[in-house]
Amino acid sequence: MANCSVVIPYYQKEPGILLRALKSVFAQSHRDFHIIVVDDASPLSADKDLETLSLEERASITVIKQPNGGPGAARNTGLDHISEGTRYAAFLDSDDEWTPDHLKNAVAGMSLFDADCYWASITGGEDFYYHFGMAELAETTAVSRLSETPPYYMEVADLASAMLKNWSFMHLSSMVIGEALFRKVRFEAALRLAAEDVLFFYDCVRAAKRSILCDSIGAKRGEGINIFHGMDSDSPLFLKQQFNTWVALDRLESRFAHGPKDIESIEHYKKTARDQALWSQMRLVRRRKAPQFGLLAEWAWKDPKILRNALELAAGKIAGKPGQTSEPQGKQNH
């Protein structure tokens, strides 16, 4: 059995995107892997990008086709099909690429430091401005360097709290987890428009015996279908996206005991989700369109604070202080 399974959720419209990702896997210096591609009812079948691969390469790939369930559901399917005897699971979005030593660094670091949760840094284009790497994290957060020669491995004493302040140093395509996690932790697939990856990160960090970070670039972010950043705030789905973000944060808050600072961080992001949702509905009203009353009522039923936020925003508008905020966004694509 391969000691590492690579889980790739796939939903794309352009040929060649998946092939590019697969080539980056086959270029890995660590060769002990098996690839699981989950075709999430993609408009363009994954089979198209596999045709040019060699027989040996295709033999190391399992393609699973399923009805469309979103990236979280696709990743869960991949995790469910990892063979016995596999030690690690690595994630790669179908439009991203790995650098050649990503798996080598992950496996070596996790083995050396007995860790079961790992992130490397990731790089991207101009629209990836909100993301930052491990070296920048070390400038604002207390870290312990675990190695004195490259690749530099590091550890944060309270990684859960650090990510609640700003989780933009984490990305699925640079994440690797051990068997203790990939056999039990799953994505909340219903939150497909929002922060399901953040909730998964947090569940893994809290369940891990040890989490380590690596400041080497492990992945390069691509430019395929990205439902999160491709969604305009005027889209009818935007309110659902913000509601799901609030739901993810609420579940994160309720699953574990949190100190005052962590609760403050969570509430900050909850308020941001409320504010962004309310501003989107106010724009509808200004264009003489009806707000999405049904979802707003559902949100208010679960979260009465959104009514207070609405009053605060209305008062701010009257006073000429819009006060709209922004938050670090998680990538939600296949």
C-alpha atoms as a PDB file:
ATOM      1  CA  MET A   1       0.000   0.000   0.000  1.00  0.00           C
ATOM      2  CA  ALA A   2       1.108   3.569  -0.652  1.00  0.00           C
ATOM      3  CA  ASN A   3       1.950   5.409   2.551  1.00  0.00           C
ATOM      4  CA  CYS A   4       0.223   8.589   1.318  1.00  0.00           C
ATOM      5  CA  SER A   5      -3.148   9.109  -0.361  1.00  0.00           C
ATOM      6  CA  VAL A   6      -3.671  12.283  -2.383  1.00  0.00           C
ATOM      7  CA  VAL A   7      -7.305  13.452  -2.360  1.00  0.00           C
ATOM      8  CA  ILE A   8      -8.288  15.684  -5.299  1.00  0.00           C
ATOM      9  CA  PRO A   9     -11.897  16.922  -5.552  1.00  0.00           C
ATOM     10  CA  TYR A  10     -12.664  17.753  -9.169  1.00  0.00           C
ATOM     11  CA  TYR A  11     -15.173  20.164 -10.693  1.00  0.00           C
ATOM     12  CA  GLN A  12     -13.896  22.146 -13.688  1.00  0.00           C
ATOM     13  CA  LYS A  13     -14.996  23.415 -17.088  1.00  0.00           C
ATOM     14  CA  GLU A  14     -11.614  23.842 -18.759  1.00  0.00           C
ATOM     15  CA  PRO A  15      -9.427  20.989 -20.034  1.00  0.00           C
ATOM     16  CA  GLY A  16      -5.877  20.685 -18.780  1.00  0.00           C
ATOM     17  CA  ILE A  17      -6.388  22.074 -15.268  1.00  0.00           C
ATOM     18  CA  LEU A  18      -6.558  18.669 -13.574  1.00  0.00           C
ATOM     19  CA  LEU A  19      -3.713  17.357 -15.720  1.00  0.00           C
ATOM     20  CA  ARG A  20      -1.499  20.194 -14.505  1.00  0.00           C
ATOM     21  CA  ALA A  21      -2.273  19.307 -10.881  1.00  0.00           C
ATOM     22  CA  LEU A  22      -1.614  15.611 -11.504  1.00  0.00           C
ATOM     23  CA  LYS A  23       1.721  16.340 -13.162  1.00  0.00           C
ATOM     24  CA  SER A  24       2.795  18.198 -10.036  1.00  0.00           C
ATOM     25  CA  VAL A  25       1.987  15.083  -8.005  1.00  0.00           C
ATOM     26  CA  PHE A  26       3.926  12.813 -10.346  1.00  0.00           C
ATOM     27  CA  ALA A  27       6.863  15.230 -10.088  1.00  0.00           C
ATOM     28  CA  GLN A  28       7.113  14.676  -6.327  1.00  0.00           C
ATOM     29  CA  SER A  29      10.470  13.582  -4.921  1.00  0.00           C
ATOM     30  CA  HIS A  30       8.492  11.382  -2.503  1.00  0.00           C
ATOM     31  CA  ARG A  31       7.055   8.692  -4.751  1.00  0.00           C
ATOM     32  CA  ASP A  32       5.073   6.515  -2.335  1.00  0.00           C
ATOM     33  CA  PHE A  33       1.546   7.749  -3.016  1.00  0.00           C
ATOM     34  CA  HIS A  34      -1.817   6.854  -4.517  1.00  0.00           C
ATOM     35  CA  ILE A  35      -4.167   9.454  -5.990  1.00  0.00           C
ATOM     36  CA  ILE A  36      -7.925   9.564  -5.439  1.00  0.00           C
ATOM     37  CA  VAL A  37      -9.749  11.906  -7.832  1.00  0.00           C
ATOM     38  CA  VAL A  38     -13.388  12.505  -6.900  1.00  0.00           C
ATOM     39  CA  ASP A  39     -15.322  13.702  -9.954  1.00  0.00           C
ATOM     40  CA  ASP A  40     -18.094  15.765  -8.333  1.00  0.00           C
ATOM     41  CA  ALA A  41     -20.373  15.696 -11.410  1.00  0.00           C
ATOM     42  CA  SER A  42     -17.908  18.016 -13.119  1.00  0.00           C
ATOM     43  CA  PRO A  43     -19.100  19.716 -16.339  1.00  0.00           C
ATOM     44  CA  LEU A  44     -15.894  18.383 -17.876  1.00  0.00           C
ATOM     45  CA  SER A  45     -15.242  14.748 -16.991  1.00  0.00           C
ATOM     46  CA  ALA A  46     -11.984  13.963 -15.230  1.00  0.00           C
ATOM     47  CA  ASP A  47     -11.417  11.205 -17.783  1.00  0.00           C
ATOM     48  CA  LYS A  48     -10.495  13.809 -20.405  1.00  0.00           C
ATOM     49  CA  ASP A  49      -7.401  14.901 -18.505  1.00  0.00           C
ATOM     50  CA  LEU A  50      -6.304  11.333 -17.787  1.00  0.00           C
ATOM     51  CA  GLU A  51      -6.115  10.248 -21.408  1.00  0.00           C
ATOM     52  CA  THR A  52      -2.631  11.620 -21.976  1.00  0.00           C
ATOM     53  CA  LEU A  53      -1.110   9.983 -18.896  1.00  0.00           C
ATOM     54  CA  SER A  54       1.026   6.867 -19.154  1.00  0.00           C
ATOM     55  CA  LEU A  55      -0.393   3.492 -18.167  1.00  0.00           C
ATOM     56  CA  GLU A  56       1.841   3.485 -15.096  1.00  0.00           C
ATOM     57  CA  GLU A  57       0.562   6.886 -14.005  1.00  0.00           C
ATOM     58  CA  ARG A  58      -3.065   5.983 -14.612  1.00  0.00           C
ATOM     59  CA  ALA A  59      -2.594   2.802 -12.551  1.00  0.00           C
ATOM     60  CA  SER A  60      -1.810   4.969  -9.521  1.00  0.00           C
ATOM     61  CA  ILE A  61      -5.071   6.917  -9.827  1.00  0.00           C
ATOM     62  CA  THR A  62      -8.527   5.923  -8.640  1.00  0.00           C
ATOM     63  CA  VAL A  63     -11.379   8.005 -10.081  1.00  0.00           C
ATOM     64  CA  ILE A  64     -14.641   8.072  -8.126  1.00  0.00           C
ATOM     65  CA  LYS A  65     -17.694   9.692  -9.687  1.00  0.00           C
ATOM     66  CA  GLN A  66     -20.533  11.034  -7.578  1.00  0.00           C
ATOM     67  CA  PRO A  67     -23.525  13.384  -7.809  1.00  0.00           C
ATOM     68  CA  ASN A  68     -22.561  16.981  -7.160  1.00  0.00           C
ATOM     69  CA  GLY A  69     -22.184  17.610  -3.472  1.00  0.00           C
ATOM     70  CA  GLY A  70     -19.604  20.360  -3.326  1.00  0.00           C
ATOM     71  CA  PRO A  71     -15.918  20.292  -2.427  1.00  0.00           C
ATOM     72  CA  GLY A  72     -16.436  19.125   1.156  1.00  0.00           C
ATOM     73  CA  ALA A  73     -18.543  16.163   0.103  1.00  0.00           C
ATOM     74  CA  ALA A  74     -15.991  15.263  -2.572  1.00  0.00           C
ATOM     75  CA  ARG A  75     -13.134  15.371  -0.091  1.00  0.00           C
ATOM     76  CA  ASN A  76     -15.128  13.246   2.362  1.00  0.00           C
ATOM     77  CA  THR A  77     -15.634  10.654  -0.369  1.00  0.00           C
ATOM     78  CA  GLY A  78     -11.912  10.639  -1.006  1.00  0.00           C
ATOM     79  CA  LEU A  79     -11.136  10.182   2.686  1.00  0.00           C
ATOM     80  CA  ASP A  80     -13.677   7.357   2.919  1.00  0.00           C
ATOM     81  CA  HIS A  81     -11.866   5.453   0.154  1.00  0.00           C
ATOM     82  CA  ILE A  82      -8.341   5.574   1.568  1.00  0.00           C
ATOM     83  CA  SER A  83      -6.933   2.058   1.781  1.00  0.00           C
ATOM     84  CA  GLU A  84      -5.956   0.353   5.019  1.00  0.00           C
ATOM     85  CA  GLY A  85      -2.287   0.696   5.798  1.00  0.00           C
ATOM     86  CA  THR A  86      -2.061   4.267   4.510  1.00  0.00           C
ATOM     87  CA  ARG A  87      -0.336   6.610   6.942  1.00  0.00           C
ATOM     88  CA  TYR A  88      -1.015  10.053   5.487  1.00  0.00           C
ATOM     89  CA  ALA A  89      -3.671  11.914   3.526  1.00  0.00           C
ATOM     90  CA  ALA A  90      -2.758  14.992   1.499  1.00  0.00           C
ATOM     91  CA  PHE A  91      -5.195  17.399  -0.156  1.00  0.00           C
ATOM     92  CA  LEU A  92      -4.768  19.119  -3.509  1.00  0.00           C
ATOM     93  CA  ASP A  93      -7.390  21.269  -5.214  1.00  0.00           C
ATOM     94  CA  SER A  94      -7.662  20.349  -8.873  1.00  0.00           C
ATOM     95  CA  ASP A  95      -6.512  23.797 -10.022  1.00  0.00           C
ATOM     96  CA  ASP A  96      -3.516  23.999  -7.679  1.00  0.00           C
ATOM     97  CA  GLU A  97      -0.024  22.570  -7.995  1.00  0.00           C
ATOM     98  CA  TRP A  98       2.500  21.164  -5.549  1.00  0.00           C
ATOM     99  CA  THR A  99       6.161  22.045  -5.454  1.00  0.00           C
ATOM    100  CA  PRO A 100       8.394  18.960  -5.962  1.00  0.00           C
ATOM    101  CA  ASP A 101       9.338  18.396  -2.297  1.00  0.00           C
ATOM    102  CA  HIS A 102       5.931  18.987  -0.717  1.00  0.00           C
ATOM    103  CA  LEU A 103       5.184  15.373   0.204  1.00  0.00           C
ATOM    104  CA  LYS A 104       8.820  14.699   1.107  1.00  0.00           C
ATOM    105  CA  ASN A 105       8.854  17.609   3.566  1.00  0.00           C
ATOM    106  CA  ALA A 106       5.469  16.674   5.009  1.00  0.00           C
ATOM    107  CA  VAL A 107       6.237  12.991   5.557  1.00  0.00           C
ATOM    108  CA  ALA A 108       9.720  13.692   6.912  1.00  0.00           C
ATOM    109  CA  GLY A 109       8.515  16.368   9.323  1.00  0.00           C
ATOM    110  CA  MET A 110       5.506  14.446  10.574  1.00  0.00           C
ATOM    111  CA  SER A 111       7.596  11.320  11.110  1.00  0.00           C
ATOM    112  CA  LEU A 112      10.490  13.126  12.787  1.00  0.00           C
ATOM    113  CA  PHE A 113       8.319  15.126  15.183  1.00  0.00           C
ATOM    114  CA  ASP A 114       5.544  12.539  15.659  1.00  0.00           C
ATOM    115  CA  ALA A 115       2.893  14.898  14.302  1.00  0.00           C
ATOM    116  CA  ASP A 116      -0.407  14.090  12.625  1.00  0.00           C
ATOM    117  CA  CYS A 117      -1.290  17.545  11.242  1.00  0.00           C
ATOM    118  CA  TYR A 118       0.891  19.595   8.895  1.00  0.00           C
ATOM    119  CA  TRP A 119       0.762  22.750   6.794  1.00  0.00           C
ATOM    120  CA  ALA A 120       3.325  24.189   4.427  1.00  0.00           C
ATOM    121  CA  SER A 121       3.237  27.683   2.997  1.00  0.00           C
ATOM    122  CA  ILE A 122       1.414  28.349  -0.277  1.00  0.00           C
ATOM    123  CA  THR A 123       1.908  31.060  -2.863  1.00  0.00           C
ATOM    124  CA  GLY A 124      -0.516  32.593  -5.359  1.00  0.00           C
ATOM    125  CA  GLY A 125      -1.400  35.487  -7.627  1.00  0.00           C
ATOM    126  CA  GLU A 126      -2.648  38.998  -6.909  1.00  0.00           C
ATOM    127  CA  ASP A 127      -6.137  37.849  -5.913  1.00  0.00           C
ATOM    128  CA  PHE A 128      -4.513  35.746  -3.180  1.00  0.00           C
ATOM    129  CA  TYR A 129      -3.473  38.921  -1.365  1.00  0.00           C
ATOM    130  CA  TYR A 130      -5.091  37.963   1.942  1.00  0.00           C
ATOM    131  CA  HIS A 131      -3.002  34.814   2.353  1.00  0.00           C
ATOM    132  CA  PHE A 132       0.370  34.816   4.110  1.00  0.00           C
ATOM    133  CA  GLY A 133       3.068  32.210   4.740  1.00  0.00           C
ATOM    134  CA  MET A 134       4.624  30.691   7.834  1.00  0.00           C
ATOM    135  CA  ALA A 135       7.545  33.134   7.879  1.00  0.00           C
ATOM    136  CA  GLU A 136       5.089  36.029   8.171  1.00  0.00           C
ATOM    137  CA  LEU A 137       3.145  34.144  10.840  1.00  0.00           C
ATOM    138  CA  ALA A 138       6.357  33.923  12.864  1.00  0.00           C
ATOM    139  CA  GLU A 139       6.596  37.729  12.803  1.00  0.00           C
ATOM    140  CA  THR A 140       3.327  38.149  14.702  1.00  0.00           C
ATOM    141  CA  THR A 141       2.932  34.871  16.616  1.00  0.00           C
ATOM    142  CA  ALA A 142       5.241  33.104  19.061  1.00  0.00           C
ATOM    143  CA  VAL A 143       6.638  30.031  17.314  1.00  0.00           C
ATOM    144  CA  SER A 144       9.169  27.374  18.252  1.00  0.00           C
ATOM    145  CA  ARG A 145      11.599  26.446  15.489  1.00  0.00           C
ATOM    146  CA  LEU A 146      12.033  22.683  15.429  1.00  0.00           C
ATOM    147  CA  SER A 147      14.834  22.457  12.849  1.00  0.00           C
ATOM    148  CA  GLU A 148      17.968  24.490  12.203  1.00  0.00           C
ATOM    149  CA  THR A 149      18.410  23.616   8.526  1.00  0.00           C
ATOM    150  CA  PRO A 150      15.918  23.869   5.646  1.00  0.00           C
ATOM    151  CA  PRO A 151      13.150  22.928   5.475  1.00  0.00           C
ATOM    152  CA  TYR A 152      12.401  24.867   8.633  1.00  0.00           C
ATOM    153  CA  TYR A 153       9.731  23.191  10.714  1.00  0.00           C
ATOM    154  CA  MET A 154       8.012  25.173  13.438  1.00  0.00           C
ATOM    155  CA  GLU A 155       5.342  24.805  16.070  1.00  0.00           C
ATOM    156  CA  VAL A 156       2.843  27.187  17.652  1.00  0.00           C
ATOM    157  CA  ALA A 157       2.031  26.403  21.271  1.00  0.00           C
ATOM    158  CA  ASP A 158      -1.673  27.211  20.863  1.00  0.00           C
ATOM    159  CA  LEU A 159      -2.315  26.823  17.148  1.00  0.00           C
ATOM    160  CA  ALA A 160      -6.090  26.768  17.644  1.00  0.00           C
ATOM    161  CA  SER A 161      -6.059  30.251  19.148  1.00  0.00           C
ATOM    162  CA  ALA A 162      -3.610  31.519  16.540  1.00  0.00           C
ATOM    163  CA  MET A 163      -5.858  30.439  13.679  1.00  0.00           C
ATOM    164  CA  LEU A 164      -8.899  32.050  15.279  1.00  0.00           C
ATOM    165  CA  LYS A 165      -7.111  35.406  15.087  1.00  0.00           C
ATOM    166  CA  ASN A 166      -6.409  34.920  11.378  1.00  0.00           C
ATOM    167  CA  TRP A 167      -6.478  31.564   9.602  1.00  0.00           C
ATOM    168  CA  SER A 168      -5.110  32.872   6.293  1.00  0.00           C
ATOM    169  CA  PHE A 169      -1.821  31.004   6.699  1.00  0.00           C
ATOM    170  CA  MET A 170      -3.726  27.722   6.264  1.00  0.00           C
ATOM    171  CA  HIS A 171      -4.760  26.180   2.958  1.00  0.00           C
ATOM    172  CA  LEU A 172      -6.040  22.742   2.036  1.00  0.00           C
ATOM    173  CA  SER A 173      -3.582  22.251  -0.826  1.00  0.00           C
ATOM    174  CA  SER A 174      -0.686  22.555   1.598  1.00  0.00           C
ATOM    175  CA  MET A 175      -2.240  20.374   4.335  1.00  0.00           C
ATOM    176  CA  VAL A 176      -1.330  16.771   5.191  1.00  0.00           C
ATOM    177  CA  ILE A 177      -2.886  14.756   8.020  1.00  0.00           C
ATOM    178  CA  GLY A 178      -2.150  11.430   9.669  1.00  0.00           C
ATOM    179  CA  GLU A 179      -4.342   8.350   9.951  1.00  0.00           C
ATOM    180  CA  ALA A 180      -5.687   9.245  13.403  1.00  0.00           C
ATOM    181  CA  LEU A 181      -7.313  12.289  11.796  1.00  0.00           C
ATOM    182  CA  PHE A 182      -8.301  11.131   8.307  1.00  0.00           C
ATOM    183  CA  ARG A 183     -10.167   8.139   9.696  1.00  0.00           C
ATOM    184  CA  LYS A 184     -12.500  10.266  11.833  1.00  0.00           C
ATOM    185  CA  VAL A 185     -12.504  13.996  10.995  1.00  0.00           C
ATOM    186  CA  ARG A 186     -14.762  15.047   8.129  1.00  0.00           C
ATOM    187  CA  PHE A 187     -15.896  18.180   6.316  1.00  0.00           C
ATOM    188  CA  GLU A 188     -19.358  19.607   6.955  1.00  0.00           C
ATOM    189  CA  ALA A 189     -20.434  19.267   3.345  1.00  0.00           C
ATOM    190  CA  ALA A 190     -23.622  21.288   3.780  1.00  0.00           C
ATOM    191  CA  LEU A 191     -21.539  24.430   4.337  1.00  0.00           C
ATOM    192  CA  ARG A 192     -20.362  24.297   0.746  1.00  0.00           C
ATOM    193  CA  LEU A 193     -20.464  28.021   0.092  1.00  0.00           C
ATOM    194  CA  ALA A 194     -18.402  29.121   3.035  1.00  0.00           C
ATOM    195  CA  ALA A 195     -16.073  28.157   5.867  1.00  0.00           C
ATOM    196  CA  GLU A 196     -16.204  24.358   5.828  1.00  0.00           C
ATOM    197  CA  ASP A 197     -12.429  24.269   5.338  1.00  0.00           C
ATOM    198  CA  VAL A 198     -11.879  26.480   8.396  1.00  0.00           C
ATOM    199  CA  LEU A 199     -14.085  24.226  10.512  1.00  0.00           C
ATOM    200  CA  PHE A 200     -12.144  21.193   9.250  1.00  0.00           C
ATOM    201  CA  PHE A 201      -8.828  22.896  10.076  1.00  0.00           C
ATOM    202  CA  TYR A 202      -9.994  23.656  13.583  1.00  0.00           C
ATOM    203  CA  ASP A 203     -11.351  20.143  14.191  1.00  0.00           C
ATOM    204  CA  CYS A 204      -8.032  18.673  13.039  1.00  0.00           C
ATOM    205  CA  VAL A 205      -5.934  21.020  15.170  1.00  0.00           C
ATOM    206  CA  ARG A 206      -7.979  20.271  18.275  1.00  0.00           C
ATOM    207  CA  ALA A 207      -7.916  16.507  17.631  1.00  0.00           C
ATOM    208  CA  ALA A 208      -4.239  16.268  16.641  1.00  0.00           C
ATOM    209  CA  LYS A 209      -1.627  15.039  19.081  1.00  0.00           C
ATOM    210  CA  ARG A 210       0.773  17.496  17.450  1.00  0.00           C
ATOM    211  CA  SER A 211       0.590  19.991  14.588  1.00  0.00           C
ATOM    212  CA  ILE A 212       3.628  21.355  12.777  1.00  0.00           C
ATOM    213  CA  LEU A 213       4.164  24.035  10.156  1.00  0.00           C
ATOM    214  CA  CYS A 214       6.782  24.353   7.422  1.00  0.00           C
ATOM    215  CA  ASP A 215       7.885  27.659   5.946  1.00  0.00           C
ATOM    216  CA  SER A 216       8.860  26.070   2.613  1.00  0.00           C
ATOM    217  CA  ILE A 217       6.424  26.669  -0.260  1.00  0.00           C
ATOM    218  CA  GLY A 218       4.447  23.454  -0.613  1.00  0.00           C
ATOM    219  CA  ALA A 219       1.847  24.525  -3.166  1.00  0.00           C
ATOM    220  CA  LYS A 220       0.998  27.085  -5.805  1.00  0.00           C
ATOM    221  CA  ARG A 221      -2.572  28.307  -6.037  1.00  0.00           C
ATOM    222  CA  GLY A 222      -4.207  28.016  -9.439  1.00  0.00           C
ATOM    223  CA  GLU A 223      -6.982  29.911 -11.145  1.00  0.00           C
ATOM    224  CA  GLY A 224      -9.714  27.360 -11.821  1.00  0.00           C
ATOM    225  CA  ILE A 225     -13.338  27.550 -10.748  1.00  0.00           C
ATOM    226  CA  ASN A 226     -13.488  29.235  -7.349  1.00  0.00           C
ATOM    227  CA  ILE A 227     -17.022  29.648  -6.083  1.00  0.00           C
ATOM    228  CA  PHE A 228     -16.004  31.751  -3.099  1.00  0.00           C
ATOM    229  CA  HIS A 229     -13.982  34.505  -4.727  1.00  0.00           C
ATOM    230  CA  GLY A 230     -15.947  34.320  -7.953  1.00  0.00           C
ATOM    231  CA  MET A 231     -19.165  35.223  -6.145  1.00  0.00           C
ATOM    232  CA  ASP A 232     -20.194  38.845  -6.307  1.00  0.00           C
ATOM    233  CA  SER A 233     -21.736  40.368  -3.193  1.00  0.00           C
ATOM    234  CA  ASP A 234     -24.870  41.066  -5.219  1.00  0.00           C
ATOM    235  CA  SER A 235     -25.299  37.382  -6.076  1.00  0.00           C
ATOM    236  CA  PRO A 236     -28.407  35.693  -4.608  1.00  0.00           C
ATOM    237  CA  LEU A 237     -26.013  33.110  -3.141  1.00  0.00           C
ATOM    238  CA  PHE A 238     -24.017  35.704  -1.207  1.00  0.00           C
ATOM    239  CA  LEU A 239     -26.460  35.785   1.711  1.00  0.00           C
ATOM    240  CA  LYS A 240     -26.369  31.975   1.908  1.00  0.00           C
ATOM    241  CA  GLN A 241     -22.590  32.106   1.853  1.00  0.00           C
ATOM    242  CA  GLN A 242     -22.448  34.511   4.770  1.00  0.00           C
ATOM    243  CA  PHE A 243     -25.081  32.547   6.673  1.00  0.00           C
ATOM    244  CA  ASN A 244     -23.072  29.342   6.232  1.00  0.00           C
ATOM    245  CA  THR A 245     -19.971  31.192   7.420  1.00  0.00           C
ATOM    246  CA  TRP A 246     -21.845  32.190  10.570  1.00  0.00           C
ATOM    247  CA  VAL A 247     -23.094  28.595  11.028  1.00  0.00           C
ATOM    248  CA  ALA A 248     -19.542  27.223  10.681  1.00  0.00           C
ATOM    249  CA  LEU A 249     -18.267  29.686  13.276  1.00  0.00           C
ATOM    250  CA  ASP A 250     -21.162  28.909  15.607  1.00  0.00           C
ATOM    251  CA  ARG A 251     -20.434  25.180  15.394  1.00  0.00           C
ATOM    252  CA  LEU A 252     -16.757  25.829  15.940  1.00  0.00           C
ATOM    253  CA  GLU A 253     -17.624  27.823  19.043  1.00  0.00           C
ATOM    254  CA  SER A 254     -20.007  25.223  20.463  1.00  0.00           C
ATOM    255  CA  ARG A 255     -17.842  22.114  19.920  1.00  0.00           C
ATOM    256  CA  PHE A 256     -15.069  23.091  22.281  1.00  0.00           C
ATOM    257  CA  ALA A 257     -14.463  25.128  25.398  1.00  0.00           C
ATOM    258  CA  HIS A 258     -12.881  28.495  24.574  1.00  0.00           C
ATOM    259  CA  GLY A 259     -11.107  31.172  26.553  1.00  0.00           C
ATOM    260  CA  PRO A 260     -12.232  34.811  26.467  1.00  0.00           C
ATOM    261  CA  LYS A 261      -9.799  35.830  23.694  1.00  0.00           C
ATOM    262  CA  ASP A 262     -10.896  32.958  21.456  1.00  0.00           C
ATOM    263  CA  ILE A 263     -14.558  33.801  22.005  1.00  0.00           C
ATOM    264  CA  GLU A 264     -13.760  37.415  21.114  1.00  0.00           C
ATOM    265  CA  SER A 265     -12.099  36.299  17.853  1.00  0.00           C
ATOM    266  CA  ILE A 266     -15.026  34.066  16.914  1.00  0.00           C
ATOM    267  CA  GLU A 267     -17.554  36.797  17.662  1.00  0.00           C
ATOM    268  CA  HIS A 268     -15.583  39.248  15.539  1.00  0.00           C
ATOM    269  CA  TYR A 269     -15.910  36.988  12.498  1.00  0.00           C
ATOM    270  CA  LYS A 270     -19.564  36.263  13.260  1.00  0.00           C
ATOM    271  CA  LYS A 271     -20.272  39.981  13.324  1.00  0.00           C
ATOM    272  CA  THR A 272     -18.404  40.415  10.046  1.00  0.00           C
ATOM    273  CA  ALA A 273     -20.578  37.745   8.413  1.00  0.00           C
ATOM    274  CA  ARG A 274     -23.716  39.490   9.711  1.00  0.00           C
ATOM    275  CA  ASP A 275     -22.563  42.912   8.527  1.00  0.00           C
ATOM    276  CA  GLN A 276     -21.606  41.724   5.045  1.00  0.00           C
ATOM    277  CA  ALA A 277     -24.938  39.912   4.710  1.00  0.00           C
ATOM    278  CA  LEU A 278     -26.934  42.945   5.810  1.00  0.00           C
ATOM    279  CA  TRP A 279     -25.075  45.318   3.500  1.00  0.00           C
ATOM    280  CA  SER A 280     -25.806  43.011   0.571  1.00  0.00           C
ATOM    281  CA  GLN A 281     -29.517  43.140   1.401  1.00  0.00           C
ATOM    282  CA  MET A 282     -29.440  46.928   1.769  1.00  0.00           C
ATOM    283  CA  ARG A 283     -27.998  47.164  -1.733  1.00  0.00           C
ATOM    284  CA  LEU A 284     -30.940  45.138  -3.002  1.00  0.00           C
ATOM    285  CA  VAL A 285     -33.352  47.575  -1.371  1.00  0.00           C
ATOM    286  CA  ARG A 286     -31.539  50.552  -2.926  1.00  0.00           C
ATOM    287  CA  ARG A 287     -32.043  48.923  -6.326  1.00  0.00           C
ATOM    288  CA  ARG A 288     -35.724  48.444  -5.465  1.00  0.00           C
ATOM    289  CA  LYS A 289     -35.415  44.683  -5.203  1.00  0.00           C
ATOM    290  CA  ALA A 290     -36.915  42.603  -2.425  1.00  0.00           C
ATOM    291  CA  PRO A 291     -34.555  41.335   0.283  1.00  0.00           C
ATOM    292  CA  GLN A 292     -34.243  37.578   0.842  1.00  0.00           C
ATOM    293  CA  PHE A 293     -36.718  37.547   3.730  1.00  0.00           C
ATOM    294  CA  GLY A 294     -36.884  33.771   4.090  1.00  0.00           C
ATOM    295  CA  LEU A 295     -33.193  33.239   4.754  1.00  0.00           C
ATOM    296  CA  LEU A 296     -32.988  36.403   6.848  1.00  0.00           C
ATOM    297  CA  ALA A 297     -35.789  35.069   9.049  1.00  0.00           C
ATOM    298  CA  GLU A 298     -34.015  31.710   9.394  1.00  0.00           C
ATOM    299  CA  TRP A 299     -30.813  33.514  10.369  1.00  0.00           C
ATOM    300  CA  ALA A 300     -32.623  35.715  12.915  1.00  0.00           C
ATOM    301  CA  TRP A 301     -34.282  32.642  14.439  1.00  0.00           C
ATOM    302  CA  LYS A 302     -30.899  31.019  15.043  1.00  0.00           C
ATOM    303  CA  ASP A 303     -28.990  34.213  15.722  1.00  0.00           C
ATOM    304  CA  PRO A 304     -31.026  37.093  17.211  1.00  0.00           C
ATOM    305  CA  LYS A 305     -27.869  39.235  17.279  1.00  0.00           C
ATOM    306  CA  ILE A 306     -28.303  39.888  13.565  1.00  0.00           C
ATOM    307  CA  LEU A 307     -31.270  42.109  14.464  1.00  0.00           C
ATOM    308  CA  ARG A 308     -29.028  44.201  16.705  1.00  0.00           C
ATOM    309  CA  ASN A 309     -26.432  44.357  13.946  1.00  0.00           C
ATOM    310  CA  ALA A 310     -29.130  45.579  11.553  1.00  0.00           C
ATOM    311  CA  LEU A 311     -30.042  48.396  13.924  1.00  0.00           C
ATOM    312  CA  GLU A 312     -26.375  49.331  14.373  1.00  0.00           C
ATOM    313  CA  LEU A 313     -25.813  49.447  10.618  1.00  0.00           C
ATOM    314  CA  ALA A 314     -28.967  51.494  10.101  1.00  0.00           C
ATOM    315  CA  ALA A 315     -27.847  53.954  12.784  1.00  0.00           C
ATOM    316  CA  GLY A 316     -24.396  54.117  11.196  1.00  0.00           C
ATOM    317  CA  LYS A 317     -25.924  54.795   7.788  1.00  0.00           C
ATOM    318  CA  ILE A 318     -28.002  57.639   9.184  1.00  0.00           C
ATOM    319  CA  ALA A 319     -24.897  59.061  10.854  1.00  0.00           C
ATOM    320  CA  GLY A 320     -22.912  58.640   7.644  1.00  0.00           C
ATOM    321  CA  LYS A 321     -20.623  55.900   9.040  1.00  0.00           C
ATOM    322  CA  PRO A 322     -21.072  52.746   6.933  1.00  0.00           C
ATOM    323  CA  GLY A 323     -18.470  50.769   8.911  1.00  0.00           C
ATOM    324  CA  GLN A 324     -18.431  47.738   6.647  1.00  0.00           C
ATOM    325  CA  THR A 325     -15.688  45.294   7.564  1.00  0.00           C
ATOM    326  CA  SER A 326     -13.913  42.492   5.787  1.00  0.00           C
ATOM    327  CA  GLU A 327     -12.548  39.130   6.874  1.00  0.00           C
ATOM    328  CA  PRO A 328      -9.942  36.656   5.663  1.00  0.00           C
ATOM    329  CA  GLN A 329     -11.683  34.318   3.253  1.00  0.00           C
ATOM    330  CA  GLY A 330     -11.173  30.611   2.771  1.00  0.00           C
ATOM    331  CA  LYS A 331     -10.869  29.219  -0.716  1.00  0.00           C
ATOM    332  CA  GLN A 332     -13.890  27.134  -1.674  1.00  0.00           C
ATOM    333  CA  ASN A 333     -13.157  25.376  -4.901  1.00  0.00           C
ATOM    334  CA  HIS A 334     -12.426  21.952  -6.300  1.00  0.00           C
END
